[in-house]
Amino acid sequence: MNPYIIATLLFSLGLGTTITFASSHWLLAWMGLEINTLAIIPLMAHNHHPRAVEATTKYFLTQATAAAVLLFASISNAWVTGQWDISYMTHPLPNTLIILALSLKIGLAPLHTWMPEVLQGLDLTTGLILSTWQKLAPFYLFLQIAPMNYTLLIVLGLFSTLVGGWGGLNQTQLRKILAYSSIAHLGWMILVLQFSPRLTLLALLTYFVMTFSLFMVFKFNNSTTLNSLTTSWAKAPALTAMLPLILLSLGGLPPLTGFLPKWMILLELTKQSLALIATLAALSALLSLFFYLRVSYAMTLTISPNNTTGTLPWRLNSHLPSTPLALAASLTTCLLPIAPATMALLAS
């Protein structure tokens, strides 16, 4: 694709998110979400592979449905209350419809079924944009609308953590594993959204850093399946040693960065007298941890893959810049010591 076209599409992605961030009117927020969707569609389909075209079509239909429900809910709210302001959502029906529309946009369970299939059809770079940047604008709206139906958010969050754990157990495709990982992490954020928006933002930023690290490792190795990871030990030993730490951080094990948001979310849920919800969320994290360990095993503990030489592609050294990966991997593994300062900031 022409570099000028790519630059224009990336600028449009940023513009759509910025418009949503800057808007207090539902029509402007909806317009920003639509610009976002229309900008990423050419990036998704640019290699003209049938799988990419199929994924692009599924993504467009899903996002168009969510945008239509969002527009209908905002018009209904304006009809009932006479207000187009985002923070003025006093009627329960439009409020619930908007929560469901935004859940469909970001892929919360049970509205998640498009996410693994779409991510599986994309290349790793576009998949990274879909898993990170495309979550920003809907999450901003989640933080703005002050949901009235707290039970709905807790059900969506808990169901997402469970589905994200169960769904990834039998996967061998790395992009589907990343999709289910995204669903599980979004569930954790939604669980605590109504009690501590700042903690939700912390969890979102931490998720972005960890996901960026993992996508960059897979892109560096040009790997899309568990089988293709088995040759990475001979190509990049340091990266092979680093990947289990990134995966365990995503799983939320101490003393890694990923433990910080999960620990603080469980603490907040317990403070809100939701010990049962906190227990179920913690148990669902074990499901996710299992398939992260499977990926670690495939990359680090598998013996020399001499018996599968005929089915593996020839491995060439990657020429991608390693500085962003090194920085992101360091943040993914070493940020837990800032926990006291973070807790003090959230308490202020």
Protein backbone atom coordinates (compact mmCIF):
# COMPACT_ATOMS: atom_id res chain seq x y z
CA MET A 1 0.00 0.00 0.00
CA ASN A 2 1.17 3.52 -0.81
CA PRO A 3 2.89 5.15 2.20
CA TYR A 4 0.82 8.31 1.76
CA ILE A 5 -2.39 6.28 1.92
CA ILE A 6 -1.16 4.49 5.07
CA ALA A 7 -0.28 7.85 6.64
CA THR A 8 -3.73 9.22 5.78
CA LEU A 9 -5.47 6.18 7.28
CA LEU A 10 -3.39 6.31 10.46
CA PHE A 11 -4.10 10.05 10.75
CA SER A 12 -7.82 9.28 10.36
CA LEU A 13 -7.56 6.66 13.12
CA GLY A 14 -6.07 9.26 15.44
CA LEU A 15 -8.61 11.89 14.33
CA GLY A 16 -11.59 9.62 15.03
CA THR A 17 -10.37 8.81 18.52
CA THR A 18 -9.58 12.48 19.23
CA ILE A 19 -13.05 13.59 18.10
CA THR A 20 -14.64 11.08 20.47
CA PHE A 21 -12.35 12.19 23.30
CA ALA A 22 -13.17 15.86 22.73
CA SER A 23 -16.93 15.49 22.35
CA SER A 24 -19.67 15.92 24.89
CA HIS A 25 -22.41 15.46 22.26
CA TRP A 26 -23.57 11.99 21.25
CA LEU A 27 -23.57 12.74 17.51
CA LEU A 28 -19.94 13.89 17.59
CA ALA A 29 -18.93 10.84 19.63
CA TRP A 30 -20.73 8.59 17.16
CA MET A 31 -19.00 10.38 14.27
CA GLY A 32 -15.59 9.77 15.84
CA LEU A 33 -16.34 6.05 16.26
CA GLU A 34 -17.41 5.83 12.61
CA ILE A 35 -14.26 7.57 11.38
CA ASN A 36 -12.26 5.07 13.42
CA THR A 37 -14.08 2.13 11.84
CA LEU A 38 -13.82 3.43 8.28
CA ALA A 39 -10.10 4.21 8.70
CA ILE A 40 -9.09 0.74 9.87
CA ILE A 41 -11.07 -1.20 7.24
CA PRO A 42 -8.59 -0.55 4.35
CA LEU A 43 -5.71 -1.46 6.68
CA MET A 44 -7.43 -4.77 7.47
CA ALA A 45 -8.05 -5.70 3.82
CA HIS A 46 -4.90 -4.32 2.23
CA ASN A 47 -3.25 -7.68 1.50
CA HIS A 48 -6.35 -8.95 -0.41
CA HIS A 49 -6.20 -12.41 1.11
CA PRO A 50 -9.61 -14.15 1.33
CA ARG A 51 -9.23 -14.54 5.11
CA ALA A 52 -8.45 -10.83 5.48
CA VAL A 53 -11.43 -9.85 3.33
CA GLU A 54 -13.69 -12.15 5.36
CA ALA A 55 -12.38 -10.69 8.63
CA THR A 56 -12.87 -7.15 7.31
CA THR A 57 -16.46 -7.90 6.30
CA LYS A 58 -17.25 -9.41 9.72
CA TYR A 59 -15.67 -6.46 11.47
CA PHE A 60 -17.58 -3.92 9.36
CA LEU A 61 -20.94 -5.61 9.91
CA THR A 62 -20.32 -5.90 13.67
CA GLN A 63 -19.21 -2.29 14.06
CA ALA A 64 -22.05 -1.02 11.87
CA THR A 65 -24.55 -2.88 14.06
CA ALA A 66 -23.02 -1.45 17.24
CA ALA A 67 -22.98 2.05 15.76
CA ALA A 68 -26.64 1.76 14.73
CA VAL A 69 -27.67 0.66 18.24
CA LEU A 70 -25.57 3.46 19.75
CA LEU A 71 -27.21 6.06 17.50
CA PHE A 72 -30.68 4.69 18.24
CA ALA A 73 -30.00 4.77 21.99
CA SER A 74 -28.67 8.34 21.89
CA ILE A 75 -31.69 9.51 19.85
CA SER A 76 -34.01 7.73 22.31
CA ASN A 77 -32.25 9.45 25.20
CA ALA A 78 -32.62 12.84 23.49
CA TRP A 79 -36.32 12.09 22.87
CA VAL A 80 -36.95 11.20 26.54
CA THR A 81 -34.74 13.76 28.29
CA GLY A 82 -34.26 16.49 25.70
CA GLN A 83 -30.47 16.26 26.15
CA TRP A 84 -27.72 15.14 23.75
CA ASP A 85 -25.05 15.42 26.46
CA ILE A 86 -23.03 12.19 26.94
CA SER A 87 -23.02 12.43 30.73
CA TYR A 88 -26.79 13.05 30.89
CA MET A 89 -28.10 9.49 30.61
CA THR A 90 -30.94 9.31 33.12
CA HIS A 91 -33.27 6.83 31.42
CA PRO A 92 -32.46 3.13 32.00
CA LEU A 93 -33.38 1.89 28.49
CA PRO A 94 -30.98 4.10 26.45
CA ASN A 95 -28.34 3.58 29.14
CA THR A 96 -28.57 -0.22 28.83
CA LEU A 97 -28.60 -0.09 25.02
CA ILE A 98 -25.47 2.06 24.95
CA ILE A 99 -23.65 -0.30 27.34
CA LEU A 100 -24.52 -3.24 25.07
CA ALA A 101 -23.51 -1.32 21.91
CA LEU A 102 -20.13 -0.38 23.40
CA SER A 103 -19.67 -3.96 24.64
CA LEU A 104 -20.22 -5.19 21.07
CA LYS A 105 -17.71 -2.65 19.78
CA ILE A 106 -14.88 -3.76 22.07
CA GLY A 107 -15.79 -7.48 22.14
CA LEU A 108 -17.09 -8.14 25.65
CA ALA A 109 -18.71 -11.54 26.20
CA PRO A 110 -21.35 -12.64 25.27
CA LEU A 111 -21.00 -10.17 22.36
CA HIS A 112 -17.45 -11.37 21.68
CA THR A 113 -17.83 -14.00 18.96
CA TRP A 114 -16.58 -11.73 16.18
CA MET A 115 -13.29 -10.91 17.92
CA PRO A 116 -11.32 -14.21 17.59
CA GLU A 117 -12.43 -14.74 13.98
CA VAL A 118 -11.58 -11.20 12.92
CA LEU A 119 -8.19 -11.17 14.65
CA GLN A 120 -7.33 -14.55 13.12
CA GLY A 121 -7.76 -13.11 9.62
CA LEU A 122 -5.47 -10.11 10.13
CA ASP A 123 -1.74 -9.62 10.06
CA LEU A 124 -0.06 -8.96 13.41
CA THR A 125 0.38 -5.20 12.93
CA THR A 126 -3.29 -4.56 12.15
CA GLY A 127 -4.25 -6.99 14.90
CA LEU A 128 -2.21 -4.91 17.35
CA ILE A 129 -4.11 -1.76 16.33
CA LEU A 130 -7.42 -3.59 16.69
CA SER A 131 -6.50 -4.94 20.13
CA THR A 132 -5.22 -1.66 21.55
CA TRP A 133 -6.01 1.64 19.82
CA GLN A 134 -9.55 0.68 18.78
CA LYS A 135 -10.48 0.14 22.46
CA LEU A 136 -9.71 3.73 23.49
CA ALA A 137 -12.77 5.58 22.17
CA PRO A 138 -15.39 3.06 23.43
CA PHE A 139 -13.70 2.99 26.84
CA TYR A 140 -13.82 6.78 27.01
CA LEU A 141 -17.59 6.59 26.47
CA PHE A 142 -17.88 3.86 29.12
CA LEU A 143 -16.17 6.21 31.57
CA GLN A 144 -18.39 9.14 30.59
CA ILE A 145 -21.88 7.67 30.72
CA ALA A 146 -21.96 6.76 34.45
CA PRO A 147 -23.87 3.48 33.99
CA MET A 148 -27.09 3.12 35.97
CA ASN A 149 -27.30 -0.67 35.68
CA TYR A 150 -24.38 -1.84 37.81
CA THR A 151 -25.53 -5.47 37.73
CA LEU A 152 -25.27 -5.56 33.93
CA LEU A 153 -21.65 -4.37 34.03
CA ILE A 154 -20.70 -6.94 36.66
CA VAL A 155 -22.35 -9.74 34.63
CA LEU A 156 -20.61 -8.62 31.42
CA GLY A 157 -17.24 -8.34 33.17
CA LEU A 158 -17.44 -11.68 34.97
CA PHE A 159 -18.72 -13.49 31.88
CA SER A 160 -15.88 -11.99 29.82
CA THR A 161 -13.21 -13.15 32.26
CA LEU A 162 -14.66 -16.68 32.22
CA VAL A 163 -15.15 -16.85 28.43
CA GLY A 164 -11.69 -15.36 27.82
CA GLY A 165 -10.20 -18.12 29.97
CA TRP A 166 -12.24 -21.04 28.63
CA GLY A 167 -12.05 -19.98 24.99
CA GLY A 168 -8.27 -19.94 24.80
CA LEU A 169 -7.69 -23.36 26.34
CA ASN A 170 -7.74 -25.45 23.16
CA GLN A 171 -6.32 -22.90 20.71
CA THR A 172 -3.16 -23.42 18.68
CA GLN A 173 -3.43 -20.18 16.68
CA LEU A 174 -1.59 -17.38 18.46
CA ARG A 175 -3.91 -14.64 17.18
CA LYS A 176 -6.96 -16.42 18.61
CA ILE A 177 -5.13 -16.82 21.92
CA LEU A 178 -4.45 -13.08 21.87
CA ALA A 179 -8.14 -12.41 21.12
CA TYR A 180 -9.34 -14.46 24.09
CA SER A 181 -6.66 -12.82 26.25
CA SER A 182 -8.07 -9.44 25.21
CA ILE A 183 -11.62 -10.51 26.12
CA ALA A 184 -10.49 -11.68 29.58
CA HIS A 185 -8.58 -8.47 30.31
CA LEU A 186 -11.49 -6.31 29.18
CA GLY A 187 -13.68 -8.24 31.60
CA TRP A 188 -11.39 -7.30 34.50
CA MET A 189 -11.58 -3.63 33.51
CA ILE A 190 -15.38 -3.62 33.23
CA LEU A 191 -15.74 -5.32 36.64
CA VAL A 192 -14.20 -2.36 38.43
CA LEU A 193 -15.36 0.42 36.06
CA GLN A 194 -18.26 1.60 38.24
CA PHE A 195 -16.26 1.60 41.48
CA SER A 196 -12.91 3.09 40.39
CA PRO A 197 -12.59 4.60 36.88
CA ARG A 198 -8.95 5.46 37.58
CA LEU A 199 -8.21 1.81 38.29
CA THR A 200 -9.89 0.88 35.00
CA LEU A 201 -7.58 3.30 33.18
CA LEU A 202 -4.55 1.81 34.95
CA ALA A 203 -5.61 -1.70 33.93
CA LEU A 204 -6.21 -0.53 30.34
CA LEU A 205 -2.77 1.09 30.03
CA THR A 206 -1.06 -1.93 31.57
CA TYR A 207 -2.92 -4.20 29.15
CA PHE A 208 -1.78 -2.03 26.22
CA VAL A 209 1.89 -2.31 27.23
CA MET A 210 1.74 -6.08 27.77
CA THR A 211 -0.18 -6.74 24.55
CA PHE A 212 2.20 -4.55 22.55
CA SER A 213 5.13 -6.59 23.91
CA LEU A 214 3.51 -9.89 22.99
CA PHE A 215 2.52 -8.81 19.48
CA MET A 216 6.04 -7.51 18.88
CA VAL A 217 7.58 -10.81 19.99
CA PHE A 218 5.35 -12.75 17.60
CA LYS A 219 6.04 -10.27 14.80
CA PHE A 220 9.78 -10.42 15.48
CA ASN A 221 9.62 -14.22 15.11
CA ASN A 222 7.03 -14.07 12.31
CA SER A 223 4.98 -16.63 14.24
CA THR A 224 1.22 -17.20 14.06
CA THR A 225 0.95 -20.77 15.46
CA LEU A 226 2.33 -22.62 18.46
CA ASN A 227 4.27 -24.92 16.14
CA SER A 228 6.10 -22.03 14.48
CA LEU A 229 7.29 -20.79 17.88
CA THR A 230 9.43 -23.89 18.43
CA THR A 231 12.25 -22.60 16.23
CA SER A 232 12.59 -19.24 18.00
CA TRP A 233 15.10 -20.57 20.56
CA ALA A 234 17.78 -20.89 17.86
CA LYS A 235 16.99 -17.54 16.30
CA ALA A 236 16.67 -15.23 19.33
CA PRO A 237 17.68 -16.86 22.64
CA ALA A 238 17.26 -13.67 24.68
CA LEU A 239 13.79 -13.10 23.27
CA THR A 240 12.90 -16.72 23.95
CA ALA A 241 13.91 -16.25 27.59
CA MET A 242 11.89 -13.02 27.80
CA LEU A 243 8.62 -14.37 26.39
CA PRO A 244 7.62 -16.50 29.42
CA LEU A 245 8.00 -13.41 31.63
CA ILE A 246 5.72 -11.40 29.32
CA LEU A 247 3.16 -14.21 29.26
CA LEU A 248 3.25 -14.67 33.03
CA SER A 249 2.82 -10.92 33.41
CA LEU A 250 -0.29 -11.13 31.22
CA GLY A 251 -1.44 -13.96 33.47
CA GLY A 252 -1.06 -11.70 36.50
CA LEU A 253 1.67 -13.46 38.45
CA PRO A 254 3.84 -11.54 40.93
CA PRO A 255 6.39 -9.96 40.88
CA LEU A 256 5.56 -8.89 37.32
CA THR A 257 3.67 -5.80 36.12
CA GLY A 258 0.46 -7.67 35.25
CA PHE A 259 -0.06 -8.54 38.92
CA LEU A 260 -0.54 -4.86 39.83
CA PRO A 261 -3.95 -4.15 38.18
CA LYS A 262 -5.40 -7.58 39.04
CA TRP A 263 -4.34 -7.25 42.68
CA MET A 264 -5.82 -3.76 42.97
CA ILE A 265 -9.04 -4.78 41.21
CA LEU A 266 -9.51 -7.72 43.60
CA LEU A 267 -8.82 -5.38 46.51
CA GLU A 268 -11.43 -2.88 45.27
CA LEU A 269 -14.05 -5.58 44.68
CA THR A 270 -13.48 -6.89 48.20
CA LYS A 271 -13.89 -3.38 49.61
CA GLN A 272 -17.24 -3.15 47.79
CA SER A 273 -18.45 -6.35 49.54
CA LEU A 274 -18.20 -8.37 46.33
CA ALA A 275 -15.96 -11.14 47.66
CA LEU A 276 -17.72 -13.83 45.60
CA ILE A 277 -17.23 -11.87 42.36
CA ALA A 278 -13.57 -11.30 43.27
CA THR A 279 -13.10 -15.03 43.93
CA LEU A 280 -14.66 -16.02 40.60
CA ALA A 281 -12.54 -13.46 38.75
CA ALA A 282 -9.38 -14.76 40.45
CA LEU A 283 -10.27 -18.35 39.53
CA SER A 284 -10.94 -17.34 35.92
CA ALA A 285 -7.41 -15.88 35.81
CA LEU A 286 -6.10 -19.43 36.34
CA LEU A 287 -7.76 -20.49 33.08
CA SER A 288 -5.96 -17.73 31.20
CA LEU A 289 -2.72 -18.59 32.97
CA PHE A 290 -2.97 -22.16 31.66
CA PHE A 291 -2.88 -21.22 27.98
CA TYR A 292 -0.16 -18.62 28.60
CA LEU A 293 1.91 -21.46 30.07
CA ARG A 294 1.15 -23.57 26.99
CA VAL A 295 2.66 -20.86 24.77
CA SER A 296 5.68 -20.61 27.10
CA TYR A 297 6.14 -24.38 26.94
CA ALA A 298 5.97 -24.36 23.12
CA MET A 299 8.61 -21.65 22.87
CA THR A 300 11.07 -22.46 25.65
CA LEU A 301 10.76 -26.05 26.83
CA THR A 302 10.26 -27.86 23.53
CA ILE A 303 13.30 -29.85 22.38
CA SER A 304 15.07 -29.18 19.09
CA PRO A 305 12.39 -29.42 16.39
CA ASN A 306 14.37 -31.66 14.05
CA ASN A 307 11.41 -33.99 13.58
CA THR A 308 9.23 -31.24 12.10
CA THR A 309 11.70 -29.70 9.68
CA GLY A 310 9.56 -30.49 6.68
CA THR A 311 6.54 -28.61 7.99
CA LEU A 312 8.29 -25.50 9.28
CA PRO A 313 9.28 -22.54 7.08
CA TRP A 314 12.89 -21.45 6.69
CA ARG A 315 13.69 -18.98 9.44
CA LEU A 316 15.42 -15.72 8.53
CA ASN A 317 16.66 -13.14 11.00
CA SER A 318 14.22 -10.29 11.55
CA HIS A 319 15.24 -6.75 10.62
CA LEU A 320 12.59 -5.06 12.75
CA PRO A 321 13.84 -2.41 15.20
CA SER A 322 14.21 -3.99 18.61
CA THR A 323 14.16 -0.84 20.76
CA PRO A 324 10.33 -0.58 21.08
CA LEU A 325 10.17 -4.26 22.00
CA ALA A 326 12.95 -3.91 24.59
CA LEU A 327 11.25 -0.89 26.17
CA ALA A 328 7.80 -2.50 26.23
CA ALA A 329 9.18 -5.79 27.60
CA SER A 330 10.96 -3.91 30.39
CA LEU A 331 7.72 -2.11 31.33
CA THR A 332 5.81 -5.40 31.14
CA THR A 333 8.06 -7.06 33.71
CA CYS A 334 9.39 -4.35 36.03
CA LEU A 335 6.61 -1.94 37.04
CA LEU A 336 5.32 -3.70 40.17
CA PRO A 337 7.58 -1.64 42.53
CA ILE A 338 5.54 1.47 41.69
CA ALA A 339 2.47 -0.15 43.29
CA PRO A 340 2.59 1.96 46.51
CA ALA A 341 2.75 5.20 44.54
CA THR A 342 -0.05 3.99 42.27
CA MET A 343 -2.26 3.09 45.22
CA ALA A 344 -1.64 6.49 46.79
CA LEU A 345 -2.54 8.20 43.51
CA LEU A 346 -5.76 6.23 43.15
CA ALA A 347 -6.72 6.94 46.77
CA SER A 348 -6.26 10.70 46.39
